[in-house]
Amino acid sequence: MHICLLEPLGIDSTILHELSQPLIDAGHSFVAAHDKSSNPDELIRRAQGADVIMIANNPLPGEVIRALPQLKLIAVAFTGIDHVDVSACRERGIAVSNCAGYSDTAVAELSVGLAIDVFRLVAAGHAAVHTGGNSTGMVGREIAGKTVGIVGTGHIGTQTGKLFAAFGAHVLGYARHENPQATAFGIQHVNLETLLEQSDIVSLHLPLNETTRKSFGEEHFARMKESAIFINCARGAIVDNDALAVALNTEQIAGAGIDVFDMEPPIPADYPLLSAKNTIFTPHVAYLTQEAMIRRAHIEFENVAAWLAGTPQNLCEI
């Protein structure tokens, strides 16, 4: 089998060699790209003759998938697969695997970190020190004793709830199907309306699909407390971000910490959310830690090896 890694995985070349060598020793060929490309023609060139292609979060359009007649597996080093044209995969019977779980800790930690930043005015304090200011107007809030609402109690949502609970928060959860692990930990599942109305911090942890796209909007922000903040380290397209900007600028809610947008950064200067009040931004880095990059690379190569051995794992429903 010919295996092509179409983009870097953010790991040291020594680790990449260690992970790919068993495939080569088993008689498979392996090539790896050293940079990203969004050009379909270039991606097709790189993947010529591939039975298996490996990617991270670089978009993989249908025209690329349809141009690779030998392709049988797309191994994605990411949790979500919304950047892959799964309709083209269905047409061709191509399997898709993901690396669910690799970034649970990383995303959960940034979700809590953004909440702390908003509550304790960290960015504003940083700016004040650099501009000769002081603590005037810097009265923050504590997480301890607050109610945190986790929208989506999967692995990442549950891990986020655990971290908030460690700060002394009461944690509510909402999911279409309750996660027994979340319940066992002590996350109290309630309906979405109750969660929004009672929470001081609302943290979003849903996957992006056709059901969830733009599913969180004006009516949801209207139910939140005026003192509440909103955290999104999931997917930007789940949220009506124009409605979020309005809710922030009209002080319908008190603040937000946002890692994801309707597009990948860089974000256009006229994007309404960028000028919203009391909002902290990071450029889609929730998953991006040294530990998570190594973890996902191991999982992705394990997925490929398992598929080649006839015992596939982490296959996605498409």
C-alpha atoms as a PDB file:
ATOM      1  CA  MET A   1       0.000   0.000   0.000  1.00  0.00           C
ATOM      2  CA  HIS A   2       1.117   3.554  -0.712  1.00  0.00           C
ATOM      3  CA  ILE A   3       0.618   5.945   2.201  1.00  0.00           C
ATOM      4  CA  CYS A   4       0.842   9.733   1.845  1.00  0.00           C
ATOM      5  CA  LEU A   5       0.961  12.266   4.673  1.00  0.00           C
ATOM      6  CA  LEU A   6      -0.279  15.451   3.011  1.00  0.00           C
ATOM      7  CA  GLU A   7       0.664  17.958   5.714  1.00  0.00           C
ATOM      8  CA  PRO A   8       2.960  18.198   8.745  1.00  0.00           C
ATOM      9  CA  LEU A   9       1.623  16.871  12.044  1.00  0.00           C
ATOM     10  CA  GLY A  10       3.465  19.329  14.272  1.00  0.00           C
ATOM     11  CA  ILE A  11       5.886  16.727  15.623  1.00  0.00           C
ATOM     12  CA  ASP A  12       9.659  16.337  15.531  1.00  0.00           C
ATOM     13  CA  SER A  13      11.055  14.519  12.496  1.00  0.00           C
ATOM     14  CA  THR A  14      12.515  11.875  14.805  1.00  0.00           C
ATOM     15  CA  ILE A  15       9.039  10.998  16.086  1.00  0.00           C
ATOM     16  CA  LEU A  16       7.667  10.933  12.542  1.00  0.00           C
ATOM     17  CA  HIS A  17      10.418   8.511  11.540  1.00  0.00           C
ATOM     18  CA  GLU A  18       9.712   6.268  14.545  1.00  0.00           C
ATOM     19  CA  LEU A  19       6.010   6.154  13.753  1.00  0.00           C
ATOM     20  CA  SER A  20       6.335   5.577  10.005  1.00  0.00           C
ATOM     21  CA  GLN A  21       9.154   3.021  10.081  1.00  0.00           C
ATOM     22  CA  PRO A  22       6.946   0.049  11.103  1.00  0.00           C
ATOM     23  CA  LEU A  23       4.760   0.707   8.056  1.00  0.00           C
ATOM     24  CA  ILE A  24       7.818   0.740   5.814  1.00  0.00           C
ATOM     25  CA  ASP A  25       9.203  -2.401   7.480  1.00  0.00           C
ATOM     26  CA  ALA A  26       5.872  -4.098   6.722  1.00  0.00           C
ATOM     27  CA  GLY A  27       6.406  -3.441   3.022  1.00  0.00           C
ATOM     28  CA  HIS A  28       4.328  -0.287   2.550  1.00  0.00           C
ATOM     29  CA  SER A  29       5.638   2.903   0.965  1.00  0.00           C
ATOM     30  CA  PHE A  30       5.382   6.172   2.888  1.00  0.00           C
ATOM     31  CA  VAL A  31       5.918   9.783   1.832  1.00  0.00           C
ATOM     32  CA  ALA A  32       5.386  12.921   3.899  1.00  0.00           C
ATOM     33  CA  ALA A  33       4.876  16.536   2.854  1.00  0.00           C
ATOM     34  CA  HIS A  34       6.854  19.167   4.723  1.00  0.00           C
ATOM     35  CA  ASP A  35       4.386  22.019   4.342  1.00  0.00           C
ATOM     36  CA  LYS A  36       0.669  22.690   4.023  1.00  0.00           C
ATOM     37  CA  SER A  37      -1.070  23.368   0.755  1.00  0.00           C
ATOM     38  CA  SER A  38      -4.677  24.313   0.097  1.00  0.00           C
ATOM     39  CA  ASN A  39      -4.245  24.041  -3.672  1.00  0.00           C
ATOM     40  CA  PRO A  40      -6.283  21.079  -4.946  1.00  0.00           C
ATOM     41  CA  ASP A  41      -3.910  20.420  -7.845  1.00  0.00           C
ATOM     42  CA  GLU A  42      -0.950  20.301  -5.477  1.00  0.00           C
ATOM     43  CA  LEU A  43      -2.781  17.972  -3.089  1.00  0.00           C
ATOM     44  CA  ILE A  44      -3.643  15.667  -5.989  1.00  0.00           C
ATOM     45  CA  ARG A  45      -0.007  15.695  -7.086  1.00  0.00           C
ATOM     46  CA  ARG A  46       1.180  14.816  -3.592  1.00  0.00           C
ATOM     47  CA  ALA A  47      -1.339  12.003  -3.211  1.00  0.00           C
ATOM     48  CA  GLN A  48      -0.906  10.353  -6.618  1.00  0.00           C
ATOM     49  CA  GLY A  49      -1.121   6.579  -6.304  1.00  0.00           C
ATOM     50  CA  ALA A  50      -2.110   6.699  -2.646  1.00  0.00           C
ATOM     51  CA  ASP A  51      -4.158   3.937  -1.061  1.00  0.00           C
ATOM     52  CA  VAL A  52      -4.113   5.829   2.244  1.00  0.00           C
ATOM     53  CA  ILE A  53      -3.806   9.552   2.817  1.00  0.00           C
ATOM     54  CA  MET A  54      -3.159  11.135   6.186  1.00  0.00           C
ATOM     55  CA  ILE A  55      -4.148  14.710   7.034  1.00  0.00           C
ATOM     56  CA  ALA A  56      -4.672  16.926  10.068  1.00  0.00           C
ATOM     57  CA  ASN A  57      -7.010  19.925   9.806  1.00  0.00           C
ATOM     58  CA  ASN A  58      -6.232  20.999   6.243  1.00  0.00           C
ATOM     59  CA  PRO A  59      -9.425  20.999   4.116  1.00  0.00           C
ATOM     60  CA  LEU A  60      -9.751  18.028   1.775  1.00  0.00           C
ATOM     61  CA  PRO A  61     -12.227  18.874  -1.007  1.00  0.00           C
ATOM     62  CA  GLY A  62     -14.165  16.392  -3.064  1.00  0.00           C
ATOM     63  CA  GLU A  63     -12.246  17.160  -6.246  1.00  0.00           C
ATOM     64  CA  VAL A  64      -9.090  15.840  -4.596  1.00  0.00           C
ATOM     65  CA  ILE A  65     -10.770  12.718  -3.258  1.00  0.00           C
ATOM     66  CA  ARG A  66     -12.411  11.946  -6.603  1.00  0.00           C
ATOM     67  CA  ALA A  67      -9.077  12.340  -8.423  1.00  0.00           C
ATOM     68  CA  LEU A  68      -7.440   9.504  -6.473  1.00  0.00           C
ATOM     69  CA  PRO A  69      -8.777   6.218  -7.895  1.00  0.00           C
ATOM     70  CA  GLN A  70      -6.793   3.966  -5.534  1.00  0.00           C
ATOM     71  CA  LEU A  71      -7.775   5.788  -2.340  1.00  0.00           C
ATOM     72  CA  LYS A  72      -9.306   3.557   0.319  1.00  0.00           C
ATOM     73  CA  LEU A  73      -8.696   5.315   3.657  1.00  0.00           C
ATOM     74  CA  ILE A  74      -8.434   8.916   4.841  1.00  0.00           C
ATOM     75  CA  ALA A  75      -6.807   9.055   8.271  1.00  0.00           C
ATOM     76  CA  VAL A  76      -7.576  12.370   9.967  1.00  0.00           C
ATOM     77  CA  ALA A  77      -5.373  13.587  12.824  1.00  0.00           C
ATOM     78  CA  PHE A  78      -8.211  15.607  14.291  1.00  0.00           C
ATOM     79  CA  THR A  79     -11.416  14.996  16.227  1.00  0.00           C
ATOM     80  CA  GLY A  80     -13.822  16.611  13.767  1.00  0.00           C
ATOM     81  CA  ILE A  81     -13.953  15.599  10.111  1.00  0.00           C
ATOM     82  CA  ASP A  82     -16.064  18.526   8.858  1.00  0.00           C
ATOM     83  CA  HIS A  83     -13.102  19.691   6.734  1.00  0.00           C
ATOM     84  CA  VAL A  84     -13.314  16.477   4.663  1.00  0.00           C
ATOM     85  CA  ASP A  85     -15.859  16.134   1.856  1.00  0.00           C
ATOM     86  CA  VAL A  86     -17.545  13.061   3.286  1.00  0.00           C
ATOM     87  CA  SER A  87     -20.087  12.933   0.456  1.00  0.00           C
ATOM     88  CA  ALA A  88     -17.220  12.160  -1.934  1.00  0.00           C
ATOM     89  CA  CYS A  89     -16.045   9.474   0.498  1.00  0.00           C
ATOM     90  CA  ARG A  90     -19.512   7.919   0.562  1.00  0.00           C
ATOM     91  CA  GLU A  91     -19.632   7.890  -3.244  1.00  0.00           C
ATOM     92  CA  ARG A  92     -16.390   5.954  -3.403  1.00  0.00           C
ATOM     93  CA  GLY A  93     -16.739   3.799  -0.289  1.00  0.00           C
ATOM     94  CA  ILE A  94     -13.674   5.396   1.277  1.00  0.00           C
ATOM     95  CA  ALA A  95     -13.259   4.895   5.022  1.00  0.00           C
ATOM     96  CA  VAL A  96     -12.451   7.851   7.287  1.00  0.00           C
ATOM     97  CA  SER A  97     -10.804   7.574  10.704  1.00  0.00           C
ATOM     98  CA  ASN A  98     -10.241  10.282  13.300  1.00  0.00           C
ATOM     99  CA  CYS A  99      -8.205  10.843  16.458  1.00  0.00           C
ATOM    100  CA  ALA A 100     -10.976  11.486  18.944  1.00  0.00           C
ATOM    101  CA  GLY A 101      -9.629  12.041  22.424  1.00  0.00           C
ATOM    102  CA  TYR A 102      -6.187  13.368  21.574  1.00  0.00           C
ATOM    103  CA  SER A 103      -6.999  16.958  22.601  1.00  0.00           C
ATOM    104  CA  ASP A 104      -9.500  16.455  25.440  1.00  0.00           C
ATOM    105  CA  THR A 105      -7.180  17.875  28.076  1.00  0.00           C
ATOM    106  CA  ALA A 106      -5.843  20.662  25.865  1.00  0.00           C
ATOM    107  CA  VAL A 107      -9.294  21.964  24.891  1.00  0.00           C
ATOM    108  CA  ALA A 108     -10.664  21.641  28.411  1.00  0.00           C
ATOM    109  CA  GLU A 109      -7.730  23.579  29.854  1.00  0.00           C
ATOM    110  CA  LEU A 110      -8.081  26.438  27.373  1.00  0.00           C
ATOM    111  CA  SER A 111     -11.842  26.595  27.995  1.00  0.00           C
ATOM    112  CA  VAL A 112     -11.170  27.122  31.690  1.00  0.00           C
ATOM    113  CA  GLY A 113      -8.283  29.460  30.891  1.00  0.00           C
ATOM    114  CA  LEU A 114     -10.466  31.719  28.766  1.00  0.00           C
ATOM    115  CA  ALA A 115     -13.079  31.816  31.523  1.00  0.00           C
ATOM    116  CA  ILE A 116     -10.423  32.842  34.031  1.00  0.00           C
ATOM    117  CA  ASP A 117      -9.129  35.469  31.605  1.00  0.00           C
ATOM    118  CA  VAL A 118     -12.586  36.987  31.176  1.00  0.00           C
ATOM    119  CA  PHE A 119     -13.487  36.774  34.878  1.00  0.00           C
ATOM    120  CA  ARG A 120     -10.164  38.157  36.122  1.00  0.00           C
ATOM    121  CA  LEU A 121      -9.618  40.698  33.304  1.00  0.00           C
ATOM    122  CA  VAL A 122      -6.186  39.279  32.515  1.00  0.00           C
ATOM    123  CA  ALA A 123      -5.823  40.840  29.069  1.00  0.00           C
ATOM    124  CA  ALA A 124      -7.089  44.204  30.313  1.00  0.00           C
ATOM    125  CA  GLY A 125      -4.657  44.046  33.231  1.00  0.00           C
ATOM    126  CA  HIS A 126      -1.784  43.229  30.890  1.00  0.00           C
ATOM    127  CA  ALA A 127      -2.674  46.228  28.733  1.00  0.00           C
ATOM    128  CA  ALA A 128      -2.987  48.500  31.788  1.00  0.00           C
ATOM    129  CA  VAL A 129       0.508  47.642  33.012  1.00  0.00           C
ATOM    130  CA  HIS A 130       1.988  48.357  29.579  1.00  0.00           C
ATOM    131  CA  THR A 131       0.216  51.710  29.298  1.00  0.00           C
ATOM    132  CA  GLY A 132       0.973  53.027  32.797  1.00  0.00           C
ATOM    133  CA  GLY A 133      -2.391  52.106  34.265  1.00  0.00           C
ATOM    134  CA  ASN A 134      -3.303  50.563  37.595  1.00  0.00           C
ATOM    135  CA  SER A 135      -5.967  48.339  39.143  1.00  0.00           C
ATOM    136  CA  THR A 136      -8.777  50.869  38.768  1.00  0.00           C
ATOM    137  CA  GLY A 137     -11.801  49.088  37.301  1.00  0.00           C
ATOM    138  CA  MET A 138     -10.090  45.692  37.610  1.00  0.00           C
ATOM    139  CA  VAL A 139     -12.496  44.040  40.049  1.00  0.00           C
ATOM    140  CA  GLY A 140     -12.817  40.459  38.875  1.00  0.00           C
ATOM    141  CA  ARG A 141     -14.970  37.470  39.750  1.00  0.00           C
ATOM    142  CA  GLU A 142     -14.224  33.993  41.082  1.00  0.00           C
ATOM    143  CA  ILE A 143     -15.238  30.688  39.545  1.00  0.00           C
ATOM    144  CA  ALA A 144     -15.737  29.111  42.967  1.00  0.00           C
ATOM    145  CA  GLY A 145     -19.424  29.032  43.840  1.00  0.00           C
ATOM    146  CA  LYS A 146     -20.574  29.792  40.294  1.00  0.00           C
ATOM    147  CA  THR A 147     -22.709  27.566  38.085  1.00  0.00           C
ATOM    148  CA  VAL A 148     -21.067  26.369  34.881  1.00  0.00           C
ATOM    149  CA  GLY A 149     -23.152  24.990  32.016  1.00  0.00           C
ATOM    150  CA  ILE A 150     -21.491  22.485  29.679  1.00  0.00           C
ATOM    151  CA  VAL A 151     -23.340  22.294  26.347  1.00  0.00           C
ATOM    152  CA  GLY A 152     -22.302  18.908  24.999  1.00  0.00           C
ATOM    153  CA  THR A 153     -21.151  16.413  27.626  1.00  0.00           C
ATOM    154  CA  GLY A 154     -18.937  14.248  25.460  1.00  0.00           C
ATOM    155  CA  HIS A 155     -15.330  13.524  26.367  1.00  0.00           C
ATOM    156  CA  ILE A 156     -14.128  17.121  26.073  1.00  0.00           C
ATOM    157  CA  GLY A 157     -17.201  18.602  27.708  1.00  0.00           C
ATOM    158  CA  THR A 158     -16.961  16.186  30.609  1.00  0.00           C
ATOM    159  CA  GLN A 159     -13.251  16.897  31.059  1.00  0.00           C
ATOM    160  CA  THR A 160     -14.011  20.627  31.038  1.00  0.00           C
ATOM    161  CA  GLY A 161     -16.713  20.108  33.656  1.00  0.00           C
ATOM    162  CA  LYS A 162     -14.249  18.225  35.870  1.00  0.00           C
ATOM    163  CA  LEU A 163     -11.787  21.115  35.739  1.00  0.00           C
ATOM    164  CA  PHE A 164     -14.448  23.701  36.556  1.00  0.00           C
ATOM    165  CA  ALA A 165     -15.643  21.529  39.451  1.00  0.00           C
ATOM    166  CA  ALA A 166     -12.083  21.494  40.792  1.00  0.00           C
ATOM    167  CA  PHE A 167     -12.365  25.282  41.104  1.00  0.00           C
ATOM    168  CA  GLY A 168     -15.477  24.844  43.247  1.00  0.00           C
ATOM    169  CA  ALA A 169     -18.138  25.408  40.585  1.00  0.00           C
ATOM    170  CA  HIS A 170     -21.475  23.600  40.357  1.00  0.00           C
ATOM    171  CA  VAL A 171     -21.608  21.996  36.913  1.00  0.00           C
ATOM    172  CA  LEU A 172     -24.720  21.528  34.782  1.00  0.00           C
ATOM    173  CA  GLY A 173     -24.703  19.620  31.519  1.00  0.00           C
ATOM    174  CA  TYR A 174     -26.845  19.334  28.420  1.00  0.00           C
ATOM    175  CA  ALA A 175     -26.660  16.707  25.694  1.00  0.00           C
ATOM    176  CA  ARG A 176     -29.119  15.081  23.328  1.00  0.00           C
ATOM    177  CA  HIS A 177     -28.047  11.790  24.880  1.00  0.00           C
ATOM    178  CA  GLU A 178     -26.784  11.972  28.455  1.00  0.00           C
ATOM    179  CA  ASN A 179     -23.243  10.733  28.995  1.00  0.00           C
ATOM    180  CA  PRO A 180     -23.245   8.240  31.899  1.00  0.00           C
ATOM    181  CA  GLN A 181     -19.611   9.099  32.624  1.00  0.00           C
ATOM    182  CA  ALA A 182     -20.521  12.761  33.025  1.00  0.00           C
ATOM    183  CA  THR A 183     -23.417  11.867  35.292  1.00  0.00           C
ATOM    184  CA  ALA A 184     -21.237   9.524  37.350  1.00  0.00           C
ATOM    185  CA  PHE A 185     -18.737  12.315  37.836  1.00  0.00           C
ATOM    186  CA  GLY A 186     -21.443  14.588  39.195  1.00  0.00           C
ATOM    187  CA  ILE A 187     -22.419  16.739  36.221  1.00  0.00           C
ATOM    188  CA  GLN A 188     -26.155  17.385  36.581  1.00  0.00           C
ATOM    189  CA  HIS A 189     -27.932  16.976  33.237  1.00  0.00           C
ATOM    190  CA  VAL A 190     -30.750  19.470  32.654  1.00  0.00           C
ATOM    191  CA  ASN A 191     -32.583  20.770  29.619  1.00  0.00           C
ATOM    192  CA  LEU A 192     -30.856  23.479  27.597  1.00  0.00           C
ATOM    193  CA  GLU A 193     -33.212  26.240  28.694  1.00  0.00           C
ATOM    194  CA  THR A 194     -32.524  25.549  32.380  1.00  0.00           C
ATOM    195  CA  LEU A 195     -28.783  25.411  31.770  1.00  0.00           C
ATOM    196  CA  LEU A 196     -28.752  28.773  29.983  1.00  0.00           C
ATOM    197  CA  GLU A 197     -30.921  30.459  32.586  1.00  0.00           C
ATOM    198  CA  GLN A 198     -28.931  29.233  35.601  1.00  0.00           C
ATOM    199  CA  SER A 199     -25.325  29.286  34.389  1.00  0.00           C
ATOM    200  CA  ASP A 200     -22.749  31.968  35.106  1.00  0.00           C
ATOM    201  CA  ILE A 201     -20.427  30.438  32.506  1.00  0.00           C
ATOM    202  CA  VAL A 202     -21.696  28.618  29.406  1.00  0.00           C
ATOM    203  CA  SER A 203     -19.041  26.509  27.669  1.00  0.00           C
ATOM    204  CA  LEU A 204     -19.842  25.013  24.251  1.00  0.00           C
ATOM    205  CA  HIS A 205     -18.588  21.517  23.377  1.00  0.00           C
ATOM    206  CA  LEU A 206     -20.737  20.253  20.493  1.00  0.00           C
ATOM    207  CA  PRO A 207     -19.461  18.716  17.230  1.00  0.00           C
ATOM    208  CA  LEU A 208     -20.107  20.559  13.985  1.00  0.00           C
ATOM    209  CA  ASN A 209     -22.542  18.814  11.668  1.00  0.00           C
ATOM    210  CA  GLU A 210     -25.637  19.722   9.705  1.00  0.00           C
ATOM    211  CA  THR A 211     -27.746  19.456  12.853  1.00  0.00           C
ATOM    212  CA  THR A 212     -25.598  21.790  14.939  1.00  0.00           C
ATOM    213  CA  ARG A 213     -24.515  24.324  12.307  1.00  0.00           C
ATOM    214  CA  LYS A 214     -25.694  27.827  13.377  1.00  0.00           C
ATOM    215  CA  SER A 215     -27.785  26.112  16.047  1.00  0.00           C
ATOM    216  CA  PHE A 216     -26.699  28.403  18.892  1.00  0.00           C
ATOM    217  CA  GLY A 217     -27.907  31.949  18.394  1.00  0.00           C
ATOM    218  CA  GLU A 218     -29.985  34.908  19.443  1.00  0.00           C
ATOM    219  CA  GLU A 219     -32.614  32.987  21.399  1.00  0.00           C
ATOM    220  CA  HIS A 220     -29.946  31.220  23.429  1.00  0.00           C
ATOM    221  CA  PHE A 221     -28.071  34.387  24.369  1.00  0.00           C
ATOM    222  CA  ALA A 222     -31.414  35.962  25.315  1.00  0.00           C
ATOM    223  CA  ARG A 223     -31.935  33.222  27.924  1.00  0.00           C
ATOM    224  CA  MET A 224     -28.536  33.726  29.548  1.00  0.00           C
ATOM    225  CA  LYS A 225     -27.958  35.939  32.588  1.00  0.00           C
ATOM    226  CA  GLU A 226     -26.706  39.456  31.896  1.00  0.00           C
ATOM    227  CA  SER A 227     -23.758  38.609  34.154  1.00  0.00           C
ATOM    228  CA  ALA A 228     -22.938  35.348  32.328  1.00  0.00           C
ATOM    229  CA  ILE A 229     -20.055  34.714  29.943  1.00  0.00           C
ATOM    230  CA  PHE A 230     -19.867  32.435  26.909  1.00  0.00           C
ATOM    231  CA  ILE A 231     -16.898  30.210  25.991  1.00  0.00           C
ATOM    232  CA  ASN A 232     -16.452  28.544  22.587  1.00  0.00           C
ATOM    233  CA  CYS A 233     -13.530  26.198  22.013  1.00  0.00           C
ATOM    234  CA  ALA A 234     -15.610  23.821  19.859  1.00  0.00           C
ATOM    235  CA  ARG A 235     -16.435  25.004  16.329  1.00  0.00           C
ATOM    236  CA  GLY A 236     -17.179  28.567  15.273  1.00  0.00           C
ATOM    237  CA  ALA A 237     -19.858  27.626  12.765  1.00  0.00           C
ATOM    238  CA  ILE A 238     -22.057  26.146  15.491  1.00  0.00           C
ATOM    239  CA  VAL A 239     -22.725  29.693  16.694  1.00  0.00           C
ATOM    240  CA  ASP A 240     -24.449  32.629  15.023  1.00  0.00           C
ATOM    241  CA  ASN A 241     -21.461  34.858  15.713  1.00  0.00           C
ATOM    242  CA  ASP A 242     -23.192  38.003  14.489  1.00  0.00           C
ATOM    243  CA  ALA A 243     -25.874  37.391  17.128  1.00  0.00           C
ATOM    244  CA  LEU A 244     -23.141  36.794  19.701  1.00  0.00           C
ATOM    245  CA  ALA A 245     -21.547  40.137  18.813  1.00  0.00           C
ATOM    246  CA  VAL A 246     -24.901  41.877  19.265  1.00  0.00           C
ATOM    247  CA  ALA A 247     -25.476  40.155  22.617  1.00  0.00           C
ATOM    248  CA  LEU A 248     -22.061  41.309  23.827  1.00  0.00           C
ATOM    249  CA  ASN A 249     -22.302  44.873  22.522  1.00  0.00           C
ATOM    250  CA  THR A 250     -25.792  45.377  23.978  1.00  0.00           C
ATOM    251  CA  GLU A 251     -24.610  43.846  27.289  1.00  0.00           C
ATOM    252  CA  GLN A 252     -27.191  41.101  27.011  1.00  0.00           C
ATOM    253  CA  ILE A 253     -24.339  38.904  28.290  1.00  0.00           C
ATOM    254  CA  ALA A 254     -21.221  40.052  30.122  1.00  0.00           C
ATOM    255  CA  GLY A 255     -18.354  38.634  28.093  1.00  0.00           C
ATOM    256  CA  ALA A 256     -16.934  35.833  25.995  1.00  0.00           C
ATOM    257  CA  GLY A 257     -13.821  33.786  25.358  1.00  0.00           C
ATOM    258  CA  ILE A 258     -13.610  32.634  21.742  1.00  0.00           C
ATOM    259  CA  ASP A 259     -11.089  30.292  20.102  1.00  0.00           C
ATOM    260  CA  VAL A 260     -13.025  29.408  16.927  1.00  0.00           C
ATOM    261  CA  PHE A 261     -14.735  31.414  14.211  1.00  0.00           C
ATOM    262  CA  ASP A 262     -16.719  31.000  10.989  1.00  0.00           C
ATOM    263  CA  MET A 263     -13.399  30.708   9.173  1.00  0.00           C
ATOM    264  CA  GLU A 264      -9.844  29.843  10.079  1.00  0.00           C
ATOM    265  CA  PRO A 265      -7.623  32.770  11.152  1.00  0.00           C
ATOM    266  CA  PRO A 266      -6.526  35.254   9.982  1.00  0.00           C
ATOM    267  CA  ILE A 267      -9.906  36.851  10.664  1.00  0.00           C
ATOM    268  CA  PRO A 268     -11.052  39.799   8.486  1.00  0.00           C
ATOM    269  CA  ALA A 269     -10.879  43.166  10.245  1.00  0.00           C
ATOM    270  CA  ASP A 270     -14.589  43.792   9.611  1.00  0.00           C
ATOM    271  CA  TYR A 271     -15.707  40.530  11.278  1.00  0.00           C
ATOM    272  CA  PRO A 272     -18.319  41.848  13.757  1.00  0.00           C
ATOM    273  CA  LEU A 273     -17.239  39.669  16.669  1.00  0.00           C
ATOM    274  CA  LEU A 274     -13.760  41.222  16.691  1.00  0.00           C
ATOM    275  CA  SER A 275     -15.165  44.532  17.922  1.00  0.00           C
ATOM    276  CA  ALA A 276     -17.456  42.995  20.557  1.00  0.00           C
ATOM    277  CA  LYS A 277     -17.187  44.185  24.154  1.00  0.00           C
ATOM    278  CA  ASN A 278     -15.414  42.198  26.862  1.00  0.00           C
ATOM    279  CA  THR A 279     -14.257  39.420  24.550  1.00  0.00           C
ATOM    280  CA  ILE A 280     -10.981  37.500  24.582  1.00  0.00           C
ATOM    281  CA  PHE A 281      -9.775  35.742  21.421  1.00  0.00           C
ATOM    282  CA  THR A 282      -7.293  33.017  20.611  1.00  0.00           C
ATOM    283  CA  PRO A 283      -6.605  31.889  16.992  1.00  0.00           C
ATOM    284  CA  HIS A 284      -7.969  28.307  17.097  1.00  0.00           C
ATOM    285  CA  VAL A 285      -5.297  26.919  19.391  1.00  0.00           C
ATOM    286  CA  ALA A 286      -7.375  24.941  21.901  1.00  0.00           C
ATOM    287  CA  TYR A 287      -6.071  21.626  20.546  1.00  0.00           C
ATOM    288  CA  LEU A 288      -2.540  22.900  19.994  1.00  0.00           C
ATOM    289  CA  THR A 289      -0.211  21.686  22.725  1.00  0.00           C
ATOM    290  CA  GLN A 290       3.029  19.747  22.443  1.00  0.00           C
ATOM    291  CA  GLU A 291       1.483  16.820  24.259  1.00  0.00           C
ATOM    292  CA  ALA A 292      -1.636  16.742  22.083  1.00  0.00           C
ATOM    293  CA  MET A 293       0.365  16.877  18.847  1.00  0.00           C
ATOM    294  CA  ILE A 294       2.405  13.842  19.866  1.00  0.00           C
ATOM    295  CA  ARG A 295      -0.692  12.037  21.120  1.00  0.00           C
ATOM    296  CA  ARG A 296      -2.655  12.560  17.890  1.00  0.00           C
ATOM    297  CA  ALA A 297       0.286  11.458  15.715  1.00  0.00           C
ATOM    298  CA  HIS A 298       0.493   8.177  17.626  1.00  0.00           C
ATOM    299  CA  ILE A 299      -3.264   7.648  17.290  1.00  0.00           C
ATOM    300  CA  GLU A 300      -3.263   8.438  13.564  1.00  0.00           C
ATOM    301  CA  PHE A 301      -0.471   5.985  12.773  1.00  0.00           C
ATOM    302  CA  GLU A 302      -2.137   3.380  14.985  1.00  0.00           C
ATOM    303  CA  ASN A 303      -5.361   3.919  13.014  1.00  0.00           C
ATOM    304  CA  VAL A 304      -3.542   3.322   9.720  1.00  0.00           C
ATOM    305  CA  ALA A 305      -1.744   0.227  11.026  1.00  0.00           C
ATOM    306  CA  ALA A 306      -4.986  -1.210  12.411  1.00  0.00           C
ATOM    307  CA  TRP A 307      -6.795  -0.622   9.110  1.00  0.00           C
ATOM    308  CA  LEU A 308      -3.979  -2.261   7.135  1.00  0.00           C
ATOM    309  CA  ALA A 309      -4.136  -5.244   9.508  1.00  0.00           C
ATOM    310  CA  GLY A 310      -7.858  -5.633   8.876  1.00  0.00           C
ATOM    311  CA  THR A 311      -8.841  -4.511  12.374  1.00  0.00           C
ATOM    312  CA  PRO A 312      -9.879  -0.880  11.796  1.00  0.00           C
ATOM    313  CA  GLN A 313     -10.354   1.453  14.725  1.00  0.00           C
ATOM    314  CA  ASN A 314     -11.709   4.972  15.215  1.00  0.00           C
ATOM    315  CA  LEU A 315     -13.716   4.823  11.975  1.00  0.00           C
ATOM    316  CA  CYS A 316     -16.227   7.648  11.578  1.00  0.00           C
ATOM    317  CA  GLU A 317     -19.824   7.304  10.529  1.00  0.00           C
ATOM    318  CA  ILE A 318     -20.165   9.203   7.268  1.00  0.00           C
END
